[in-house]
Amino acid sequence: MTLSAEALTMLLGGIDLKDGAKKAWYEREKRLLLIVSYIWILSVPPLEQLPAAYLALESENVALRSQLEWLRKQVFGGGKSEKLDAAQLKLKLADQQKLIEQTATPETVHYERRRASREKLPLRAEAFAHLPVKETVVIEPAEVLAAPEQFEKLGEERSFEVDVVPTKLFKREFVRPKYRAKAQLDRAPVVAPARVPPVEGGYASAGLLAWVLISKYVDHAPRYRLEKMSSRWGARLPRQSMVEWVRIASNWLEPIYLGMRRRLLESSYVQVDETPVRCHDPDQKRGKIKNGWMWVMSGPGDDVFFDWRSSRQHGALTSLVEGFAGIMPSDGYGAYPAYVATHPEVRWVGCWAHARRKFFEAQAENSRVAQWILRLIAWMYHQEKQWDEAGIDARQRQQRRERDFTHKLYWLRVVVWRLRAHVRPKSGLGKACTYLPARSVETIGRAPAAR
């Protein structure tokens, strides 16, 4: 398939292919141009020329096919993951009756295959070389113990076992002796000032507070389980006390927490996202749970700031990023463009991972176009990975993006724009083309060290 010179000139935005340098550039992009040409000459007329009844049926057909494909992935493998079993991908529900009716003829197949190399595990001595030796046990032969004067030592063989010291609660006692001056018996006794405990009027040490925080928020052990486990450690630690300890420790850490947020807002690039988390609320009925929202803010190579909110309202985003000026990548949730509309100092860009997911889910509608777009996005991710491994800094990364991504993203924009005129907005491809914002394509080369 080929295009006329006029069509090519129009498609390339007014580029005259008679010019030698530009024609050479076109030849280098020939493979991409063939894909665009295929979309350009689609025989489907524009949507406005199709009857309303046909459009309604087509929209319903596309929606039902998308739902069936989604259901097949949920039931037969993969779920929401994009890594599906190859055997499951070959499963076609509509062809099951034909497969049953067909009788397979048994045959013997001989083939060779290369065994996949497994990751080499470290030796025991290497894995535990850093552990201290708490006890050394010497095992003498019975013959030597019976007559030691008849033997002389030539060497020794060493082995080890790894043991664990179970958690055990203990007390640290502080003694403050009182003294009286011998020459001044009427003088008040002398005693060292009392220490300031981590918990006023309490018995928890700083180490116990740190252990409770790590167990709860790193090891994800609930406090009721810690309460039961503590009985085996020598004494019961009430949950009510642990809740108070967490509150006190969080007050200590709050300046660091706020400092992380302040540093992120003072930068020129902040990534924002929000995710639902099911949680228990004491104000709700007993045993009831509700949805909360964990808002996350970070930057490339910077801290990750978590902020818990009870809702996903637009005001939650406003209070989180108020004062920020720069580039803010996120998903397509409406709170982000709404915030940017009233804050011109913030430039919103879309998320390539979310854009890719839409085209991945739309492969059943037009696999050729969707897979071409997926390969293009995969190529960009591959470039980013190579730059990460090479240790490219932010400025060099920006320059390489502008050098390597400009032409590719130009063709992606052309494909998306032309494709939107030939697919229903509610179809999978229609949603993917709508989801991919043009500003993502425009600013991908300007985002500092972002992926």
Protein backbone atom coordinates (compact mmCIF):
# COMPACT_ATOMS: atom_id res chain seq x y z
CA MET A 1 0.00 0.00 0.00
CA THR A 2 1.22 3.50 -0.83
CA LEU A 3 -0.02 7.03 -0.42
CA SER A 4 -0.18 9.83 -2.91
CA ALA A 5 2.32 12.65 -2.66
CA GLU A 6 -0.45 15.01 -1.56
CA ALA A 7 -1.57 12.64 1.21
CA LEU A 8 1.97 12.17 2.40
CA THR A 9 2.58 15.90 2.43
CA MET A 10 -0.59 16.43 4.46
CA LEU A 11 0.17 13.58 6.84
CA LEU A 12 3.69 14.78 7.55
CA GLY A 13 2.46 18.25 8.37
CA GLY A 14 3.47 20.00 5.18
CA ILE A 15 6.82 18.24 4.65
CA ASP A 16 7.87 18.27 0.99
CA LEU A 17 9.28 14.84 0.17
CA LYS A 18 11.09 16.21 -2.88
CA ASP A 19 13.71 17.64 -0.56
CA GLY A 20 16.61 15.15 -0.43
CA ALA A 21 17.38 15.38 3.30
CA LYS A 22 13.76 15.05 4.35
CA LYS A 23 13.20 12.21 1.93
CA ALA A 24 16.12 10.36 3.51
CA TRP A 25 14.57 10.92 6.92
CA TYR A 26 11.31 9.52 5.57
CA GLU A 27 13.07 6.39 4.35
CA ARG A 28 14.48 5.82 7.82
CA GLU A 29 10.97 5.99 9.23
CA LYS A 30 9.46 3.85 6.46
CA ARG A 31 8.25 1.10 8.74
CA LEU A 32 6.35 3.54 10.92
CA LEU A 33 4.94 5.25 7.87
CA LEU A 34 3.48 2.00 6.57
CA ILE A 35 1.53 1.57 9.81
CA VAL A 36 0.22 5.12 9.59
CA SER A 37 -0.64 4.55 5.95
CA TYR A 38 -2.69 1.52 6.91
CA ILE A 39 -4.70 3.59 9.36
CA TRP A 40 -5.02 6.50 6.90
CA ILE A 41 -6.65 4.41 4.17
CA LEU A 42 -9.06 2.56 6.39
CA SER A 43 -12.20 1.99 4.43
CA VAL A 44 -14.43 2.81 7.38
CA PRO A 45 -16.06 6.20 6.73
CA PRO A 46 -15.98 8.95 9.38
CA LEU A 47 -18.25 8.34 12.33
CA GLU A 48 -20.55 11.23 11.53
CA GLN A 49 -21.47 9.59 8.20
CA LEU A 50 -22.62 6.31 9.76
CA PRO A 51 -26.25 5.73 10.74
CA ALA A 52 -27.01 6.12 14.41
CA ALA A 53 -28.41 2.58 14.70
CA TYR A 54 -25.23 1.08 13.24
CA LEU A 55 -23.09 3.10 15.59
CA ALA A 56 -25.13 1.94 18.58
CA LEU A 57 -24.82 -1.72 17.57
CA GLU A 58 -21.10 -1.37 16.93
CA SER A 59 -20.58 0.29 20.29
CA GLU A 60 -22.51 -2.46 22.06
CA ASN A 61 -20.57 -5.14 20.18
CA VAL A 62 -17.22 -3.63 21.14
CA ALA A 63 -18.29 -3.24 24.77
CA LEU A 64 -19.45 -6.85 25.00
CA ARG A 65 -16.24 -8.14 23.42
CA SER A 66 -14.17 -6.13 25.88
CA GLN A 67 -16.18 -7.46 28.80
CA LEU A 68 -15.78 -11.04 27.55
CA GLU A 69 -12.04 -10.61 27.14
CA TRP A 70 -11.76 -9.14 30.63
CA LEU A 71 -13.82 -12.01 32.08
CA ARG A 72 -11.65 -14.58 30.30
CA LYS A 73 -8.52 -13.10 31.87
CA GLN A 74 -10.11 -13.04 35.32
CA VAL A 75 -11.30 -16.65 35.18
CA PHE A 76 -8.58 -18.42 33.23
CA GLY A 77 -5.46 -16.65 34.34
CA GLY A 78 -3.65 -13.42 34.87
CA GLY A 79 -6.39 -11.46 36.60
CA LYS A 80 -5.38 -7.84 36.50
CA SER A 81 -1.79 -8.77 35.76
CA GLU A 82 -0.47 -8.25 32.25
CA LYS A 83 1.68 -11.39 32.50
CA LEU A 84 -0.59 -14.12 31.23
CA ASP A 85 0.15 -17.77 30.72
CA ALA A 86 0.73 -18.53 27.04
CA ALA A 87 -1.53 -21.58 27.29
CA GLN A 88 -4.36 -19.47 28.64
CA LEU A 89 -3.97 -16.94 25.84
CA LYS A 90 -4.72 -19.73 23.36
CA LEU A 91 -7.99 -20.58 25.09
CA LYS A 92 -11.03 -19.58 23.02
CA LEU A 93 -14.35 -20.19 24.66
CA ALA A 94 -16.24 -20.22 21.38
CA ASP A 95 -14.03 -22.99 19.99
CA GLN A 96 -14.38 -25.46 22.84
CA GLN A 97 -17.16 -27.49 21.20
CA LYS A 98 -15.10 -27.90 18.04
CA LEU A 99 -12.08 -29.00 20.05
CA ILE A 100 -14.16 -31.63 21.84
CA GLU A 101 -15.53 -33.01 18.59
CA GLN A 102 -12.09 -33.35 17.06
CA THR A 103 -10.24 -36.58 17.85
CA ALA A 104 -6.53 -36.06 18.20
CA THR A 105 -4.26 -38.67 16.64
CA PRO A 106 -1.49 -39.66 19.07
CA GLU A 107 2.03 -39.24 17.79
CA THR A 108 5.51 -39.41 19.25
CA VAL A 109 7.46 -36.17 19.18
CA HIS A 110 11.22 -35.97 19.77
CA TYR A 111 12.86 -32.62 20.39
CA GLU A 112 15.74 -31.00 22.22
CA ARG A 113 15.50 -28.06 24.52
CA ARG A 114 18.02 -25.97 26.42
CA ARG A 115 17.66 -26.12 30.18
CA ALA A 116 17.08 -22.70 31.68
CA SER A 117 19.92 -21.59 33.90
CA ARG A 118 18.89 -21.28 37.50
CA GLU A 119 20.11 -18.52 39.73
CA LYS A 120 23.10 -19.74 41.70
CA LEU A 121 22.45 -19.65 45.41
CA PRO A 122 25.24 -18.50 47.73
CA LEU A 123 27.08 -21.10 49.76
CA ARG A 124 26.15 -21.50 53.40
CA ALA A 125 29.50 -20.20 54.56
CA GLU A 126 29.11 -17.07 52.40
CA ALA A 127 25.49 -16.42 53.37
CA PHE A 128 26.20 -16.45 57.12
CA ALA A 129 29.81 -15.25 57.17
CA HIS A 130 28.82 -11.95 58.80
CA LEU A 131 27.10 -13.55 61.80
CA PRO A 132 29.03 -13.43 65.08
CA VAL A 133 30.06 -16.66 66.80
CA LYS A 134 28.47 -16.73 70.25
CA GLU A 135 29.58 -20.21 71.25
CA THR A 136 32.25 -22.65 70.14
CA VAL A 137 31.79 -26.34 70.93
CA VAL A 138 34.81 -28.63 70.60
CA ILE A 139 33.93 -32.29 69.97
CA GLU A 140 36.86 -34.55 70.83
CA PRO A 141 36.98 -38.19 69.60
CA ALA A 142 36.22 -40.79 72.27
CA GLU A 143 39.55 -42.51 71.59
CA VAL A 144 41.47 -39.29 72.31
CA LEU A 145 39.52 -38.64 75.51
CA ALA A 146 40.32 -42.18 76.67
CA ALA A 147 44.07 -41.94 76.01
CA PRO A 148 45.13 -38.35 75.11
CA GLU A 149 48.86 -39.10 75.56
CA GLN A 150 48.75 -41.49 72.59
CA PHE A 151 47.58 -38.88 70.04
CA GLU A 152 48.88 -35.63 68.54
CA LYS A 153 46.74 -32.97 66.80
CA LEU A 154 47.10 -32.65 63.03
CA GLY A 155 44.35 -30.13 62.29
CA GLU A 156 40.62 -29.69 62.68
CA GLU A 157 37.39 -29.66 60.73
CA ARG A 158 34.91 -26.86 61.29
CA SER A 159 31.16 -26.64 60.67
CA PHE A 160 28.42 -24.44 62.09
CA GLU A 161 24.71 -24.17 62.75
CA VAL A 162 22.58 -21.03 62.91
CA ASP A 163 20.60 -20.42 66.07
CA VAL A 164 18.28 -17.66 67.18
CA VAL A 165 17.83 -15.84 70.46
CA PRO A 166 14.09 -15.65 71.16
CA THR A 167 12.62 -12.28 72.00
CA LYS A 168 12.75 -11.70 75.74
CA LEU A 169 11.59 -8.74 77.76
CA PHE A 170 13.92 -7.52 80.48
CA LYS A 171 14.17 -4.62 82.89
CA ARG A 172 16.87 -1.97 82.96
CA GLU A 173 17.13 -0.64 86.48
CA PHE A 174 18.32 2.88 87.23
CA VAL A 175 19.77 3.49 90.67
CA ARG A 176 20.35 7.03 92.01
CA PRO A 177 22.28 6.85 95.28
CA LYS A 178 21.64 9.51 97.88
CA TYR A 179 24.53 11.13 99.74
CA ARG A 180 24.84 13.36 102.78
CA ALA A 181 27.70 15.71 103.51
CA LYS A 182 29.54 14.50 106.60
CA ALA A 183 30.56 18.01 107.63
CA GLN A 184 27.08 19.46 107.06
CA LEU A 185 24.60 17.08 108.52
CA ASP A 186 21.79 19.65 108.24
CA ARG A 187 22.26 19.97 104.48
CA ALA A 188 19.76 18.28 102.12
CA PRO A 189 20.82 14.93 100.69
CA VAL A 190 22.55 14.97 97.30
CA VAL A 191 21.04 12.80 94.54
CA ALA A 192 21.44 12.80 90.75
CA PRO A 193 18.53 14.28 88.80
CA ALA A 194 15.98 11.82 87.58
CA ARG A 195 16.23 10.82 83.94
CA VAL A 196 13.53 11.88 81.50
CA PRO A 197 11.88 8.68 80.22
CA PRO A 198 10.72 8.35 76.59
CA VAL A 199 7.14 7.97 77.81
CA GLU A 200 6.34 10.28 80.71
CA GLY A 201 5.30 8.19 83.68
CA GLY A 202 5.69 5.03 81.62
CA TYR A 203 7.99 2.05 81.53
CA ALA A 204 8.73 1.69 77.78
CA SER A 205 12.30 2.30 76.64
CA ALA A 206 13.26 3.86 73.33
CA GLY A 207 14.27 0.41 72.08
CA LEU A 208 10.85 -1.05 72.94
CA LEU A 209 9.10 1.82 71.14
CA ALA A 210 11.25 1.29 68.05
CA TRP A 211 10.55 -2.45 68.14
CA VAL A 212 6.77 -1.89 68.29
CA LEU A 213 6.90 0.54 65.33
CA ILE A 214 8.99 -1.82 63.21
CA SER A 215 6.79 -4.81 64.05
CA LYS A 216 3.61 -2.90 63.20
CA TYR A 217 4.62 -0.87 60.14
CA VAL A 218 7.51 -2.87 58.62
CA ASP A 219 6.60 -6.46 59.53
CA HIS A 220 2.84 -5.67 59.46
CA ALA A 221 2.13 -7.52 62.70
CA PRO A 222 -1.14 -6.26 64.23
CA ARG A 223 -1.03 -5.03 67.80
CA TYR A 224 -3.43 -7.65 69.11
CA ARG A 225 -1.00 -10.32 67.87
CA LEU A 226 1.94 -8.54 69.50
CA GLU A 227 -0.04 -8.45 72.72
CA LYS A 228 -0.50 -12.23 72.65
CA MET A 229 3.11 -12.88 71.67
CA SER A 230 4.45 -10.69 74.49
CA SER A 231 3.02 -13.08 77.07
CA ARG A 232 5.61 -15.63 75.92
CA TRP A 233 8.36 -13.07 76.30
CA GLY A 234 7.91 -12.66 80.03
CA ALA A 235 5.14 -10.06 80.45
CA ARG A 236 2.02 -8.92 78.64
CA LEU A 237 2.19 -5.63 76.71
CA PRO A 238 -1.35 -4.18 76.51
CA ARG A 239 -2.59 -2.96 73.15
CA GLN A 240 -3.76 0.28 74.72
CA SER A 241 -0.19 1.03 75.79
CA MET A 242 1.19 0.23 72.34
CA VAL A 243 -1.33 2.60 70.73
CA GLU A 244 -0.11 5.38 73.02
CA TRP A 245 3.51 4.55 72.26
CA VAL A 246 2.84 4.82 68.53
CA ARG A 247 1.25 8.23 69.06
CA ILE A 248 4.25 9.47 71.05
CA ALA A 249 6.78 8.14 68.54
CA SER A 250 4.87 9.67 65.63
CA ASN A 251 5.10 13.07 67.33
CA TRP A 252 8.87 12.63 67.54
CA LEU A 253 9.07 11.77 63.83
CA GLU A 254 6.69 14.49 62.62
CA PRO A 255 9.43 17.13 61.97
CA ILE A 256 11.23 14.65 59.68
CA TYR A 257 7.92 13.78 58.00
CA LEU A 258 7.07 17.42 57.32
CA GLY A 259 10.62 18.08 56.16
CA MET A 260 10.28 15.34 53.52
CA ARG A 261 7.09 16.96 52.22
CA ARG A 262 8.64 20.43 52.20
CA ARG A 263 11.66 19.26 50.21
CA LEU A 264 9.47 17.55 47.62
CA LEU A 265 7.30 20.65 47.17
CA GLU A 266 10.39 22.81 46.72
CA SER A 267 11.55 20.64 43.79
CA SER A 268 10.46 21.10 40.17
CA TYR A 269 9.17 17.56 39.59
CA VAL A 270 6.74 15.62 41.80
CA GLN A 271 4.92 12.37 41.05
CA VAL A 272 1.52 11.98 42.75
CA ASP A 273 -0.81 9.01 43.04
CA GLU A 274 -3.59 7.75 45.30
CA THR A 275 -4.71 4.23 46.12
CA PRO A 276 -7.66 2.86 48.13
CA VAL A 277 -6.99 0.98 51.36
CA ARG A 278 -9.62 -0.92 53.32
CA CYS A 279 -9.41 -0.09 57.00
CA HIS A 280 -11.23 -0.45 60.32
CA ASP A 281 -12.73 2.72 61.74
CA PRO A 282 -13.61 2.79 65.46
CA ASP A 283 -16.39 5.28 64.69
CA GLN A 284 -18.07 2.74 62.43
CA LYS A 285 -20.16 -0.18 63.64
CA ARG A 286 -18.28 -3.05 65.22
CA GLY A 287 -16.64 -5.25 62.61
CA LYS A 288 -17.34 -2.82 59.76
CA ILE A 289 -14.64 -1.56 57.45
CA LYS A 290 -14.54 1.35 55.04
CA ASN A 291 -12.38 2.73 52.26
CA GLY A 292 -9.58 5.13 53.00
CA TRP A 293 -7.10 6.66 50.57
CA MET A 294 -3.33 6.66 50.73
CA TRP A 295 -1.95 9.61 48.79
CA VAL A 296 1.68 9.20 47.71
CA MET A 297 4.09 11.89 46.56
CA SER A 298 7.66 11.35 45.41
CA GLY A 299 10.34 12.33 42.95
CA PRO A 300 13.04 10.40 41.04
CA GLY A 301 15.66 9.32 43.57
CA ASP A 302 13.93 11.29 46.34
CA ASP A 303 11.87 10.46 49.41
CA VAL A 304 8.43 8.86 49.23
CA PHE A 305 5.82 10.83 51.18
CA PHE A 306 2.65 9.02 52.33
CA ASP A 307 -0.44 10.92 53.45
CA TRP A 308 -3.56 9.14 54.73
CA ARG A 309 -6.91 10.67 53.80
CA SER A 310 -10.43 9.49 54.43
CA SER A 311 -11.60 10.49 50.94
CA ARG A 312 -10.53 11.02 47.35
CA GLN A 313 -12.05 14.46 47.01
CA HIS A 314 -10.28 17.11 44.97
CA GLY A 315 -9.59 19.09 48.11
CA ALA A 316 -7.31 16.31 49.37
CA LEU A 317 -4.98 16.87 46.42
CA THR A 318 -5.07 20.64 46.91
CA SER A 319 -3.95 20.41 50.54
CA LEU A 320 -1.28 17.84 49.63
CA VAL A 321 0.55 19.73 46.84
CA GLU A 322 -0.36 23.33 47.68
CA GLY A 323 2.66 25.51 47.00
CA PHE A 324 4.27 23.27 44.38
CA ALA A 325 5.39 24.74 41.04
CA GLY A 326 6.70 22.49 38.29
CA ILE A 327 5.86 19.27 36.44
CA MET A 328 3.40 16.88 38.07
CA PRO A 329 2.91 13.45 36.42
CA SER A 330 -0.05 11.34 37.52
CA ASP A 331 -2.83 9.12 36.23
CA GLY A 332 -6.02 10.41 34.60
CA TYR A 333 -8.06 11.02 37.77
CA GLY A 334 -10.06 14.22 37.35
CA ALA A 335 -8.62 15.90 40.45
CA TYR A 336 -5.28 16.46 38.72
CA PRO A 337 -6.42 18.39 35.61
CA ALA A 338 -8.90 20.28 37.79
CA TYR A 339 -6.10 21.39 40.09
CA VAL A 340 -3.83 22.37 37.19
CA ALA A 341 -6.64 24.43 35.64
CA THR A 342 -6.56 26.75 38.66
CA HIS A 343 -2.79 26.60 39.22
CA PRO A 344 -0.95 27.70 36.06
CA GLU A 345 2.41 27.24 37.77
CA VAL A 346 1.87 23.46 37.67
CA ARG A 347 2.19 21.48 34.44
CA TRP A 348 0.37 18.15 34.44
CA VAL A 349 1.66 15.21 32.37
CA GLY A 350 0.14 11.77 32.00
CA CYS A 351 1.53 8.43 33.14
CA TRP A 352 2.96 6.13 30.48
CA ALA A 353 2.26 3.03 32.56
CA HIS A 354 -1.46 3.83 32.63
CA ALA A 355 -1.49 4.75 28.94
CA ARG A 356 0.19 1.47 28.07
CA ARG A 357 -2.32 -0.51 30.13
CA LYS A 358 -5.23 0.89 28.10
CA PHE A 359 -3.70 -0.23 24.80
CA PHE A 360 -2.76 -3.59 26.32
CA GLU A 361 -6.40 -4.18 27.24
CA ALA A 362 -7.56 -3.11 23.75
CA GLN A 363 -5.46 -5.62 21.80
CA ALA A 364 -8.51 -7.77 21.04
CA GLU A 365 -10.11 -4.95 19.00
CA ASN A 366 -7.19 -4.11 16.74
CA SER A 367 -4.13 -6.13 17.68
CA ARG A 368 -1.94 -4.73 14.90
CA VAL A 369 -2.26 -1.10 15.92
CA ALA A 370 -2.36 -1.78 19.67
CA GLN A 371 0.74 -3.99 19.53
CA TRP A 372 2.60 -1.41 17.46
CA ILE A 373 1.90 1.21 20.13
CA LEU A 374 2.89 -1.26 22.87
CA ARG A 375 6.18 -1.98 21.08
CA LEU A 376 6.88 1.73 20.82
CA ILE A 377 6.26 2.26 24.54
CA ALA A 378 8.34 -0.83 25.35
CA TRP A 379 11.19 0.59 23.28
CA MET A 380 11.09 3.82 25.31
CA TYR A 381 11.14 1.84 28.56
CA HIS A 382 14.10 -0.17 27.25
CA GLN A 383 15.99 3.05 26.53
CA GLU A 384 15.22 4.32 30.03
CA LYS A 385 16.51 1.06 31.53
CA GLN A 386 19.76 1.31 29.58
CA TRP A 387 20.23 4.89 30.75
CA ASP A 388 19.63 3.80 34.33
CA GLU A 389 22.28 1.09 34.03
CA ALA A 390 24.70 3.57 32.46
CA GLY A 391 24.16 6.09 35.28
CA ILE A 392 22.96 8.89 33.00
CA ASP A 393 22.20 12.07 34.97
CA ALA A 394 19.03 14.15 34.58
CA ARG A 395 20.44 16.64 32.06
CA GLN A 396 21.91 13.95 29.81
CA ARG A 397 18.68 11.96 30.05
CA GLN A 398 16.67 14.99 28.93
CA GLN A 399 18.96 15.55 25.97
CA ARG A 400 18.77 11.91 24.90
CA ARG A 401 14.99 11.90 25.17
CA GLU A 402 14.72 14.92 22.93
CA ARG A 403 17.15 13.28 20.49
CA ASP A 404 15.71 9.74 20.46
CA PHE A 405 12.02 10.14 21.34
CA THR A 406 10.93 13.12 19.24
CA HIS A 407 10.31 11.28 15.94
CA LYS A 408 8.79 8.24 17.62
CA LEU A 409 6.38 10.30 19.64
CA TYR A 410 5.44 12.31 16.56
CA TRP A 411 4.27 9.12 14.86
CA LEU A 412 2.49 8.00 18.00
CA ARG A 413 0.56 11.25 18.08
CA VAL A 414 -0.35 10.90 14.40
CA VAL A 415 -1.56 7.34 14.91
CA VAL A 416 -3.65 8.25 17.95
CA TRP A 417 -5.26 11.23 16.26
CA ARG A 418 -6.15 9.32 13.09
CA LEU A 419 -7.32 6.29 15.06
CA ARG A 420 -9.76 8.34 17.15
CA ALA A 421 -11.68 9.23 13.99
CA HIS A 422 -12.34 5.57 13.18
CA VAL A 423 -13.20 3.99 16.55
CA ARG A 424 -16.04 4.46 18.97
CA PRO A 425 -15.17 6.63 21.99
CA LYS A 426 -16.50 3.96 24.39
CA SER A 427 -14.51 1.12 22.80
CA GLY A 428 -11.24 -0.05 24.27
CA LEU A 429 -9.15 1.70 21.62
CA GLY A 430 -11.32 4.79 21.90
CA LYS A 431 -10.73 4.97 25.64
CA ALA A 432 -7.02 4.33 25.13
CA CYS A 433 -6.71 7.13 22.57
CA THR A 434 -8.68 9.48 24.81
CA TYR A 435 -6.68 8.50 27.88
CA LEU A 436 -3.35 9.24 26.23
CA PRO A 437 -3.10 13.02 26.71
CA ALA A 438 -1.25 15.03 24.12
CA ARG A 439 0.68 16.80 26.86
CA SER A 440 2.35 13.48 27.77
CA VAL A 441 3.80 13.30 24.28
CA GLU A 442 4.88 16.93 24.35
CA THR A 443 6.69 16.93 27.69
CA ILE A 444 8.22 13.47 27.76
CA GLY A 445 11.56 14.89 26.68
CA ARG A 446 11.46 17.67 29.26
CA ALA A 447 10.68 15.68 32.40
CA PRO A 448 13.88 15.47 34.48
CA ALA A 449 14.85 11.84 35.09
CA ALA A 450 11.25 10.63 35.19
CA ARG A 451 9.92 7.36 33.86
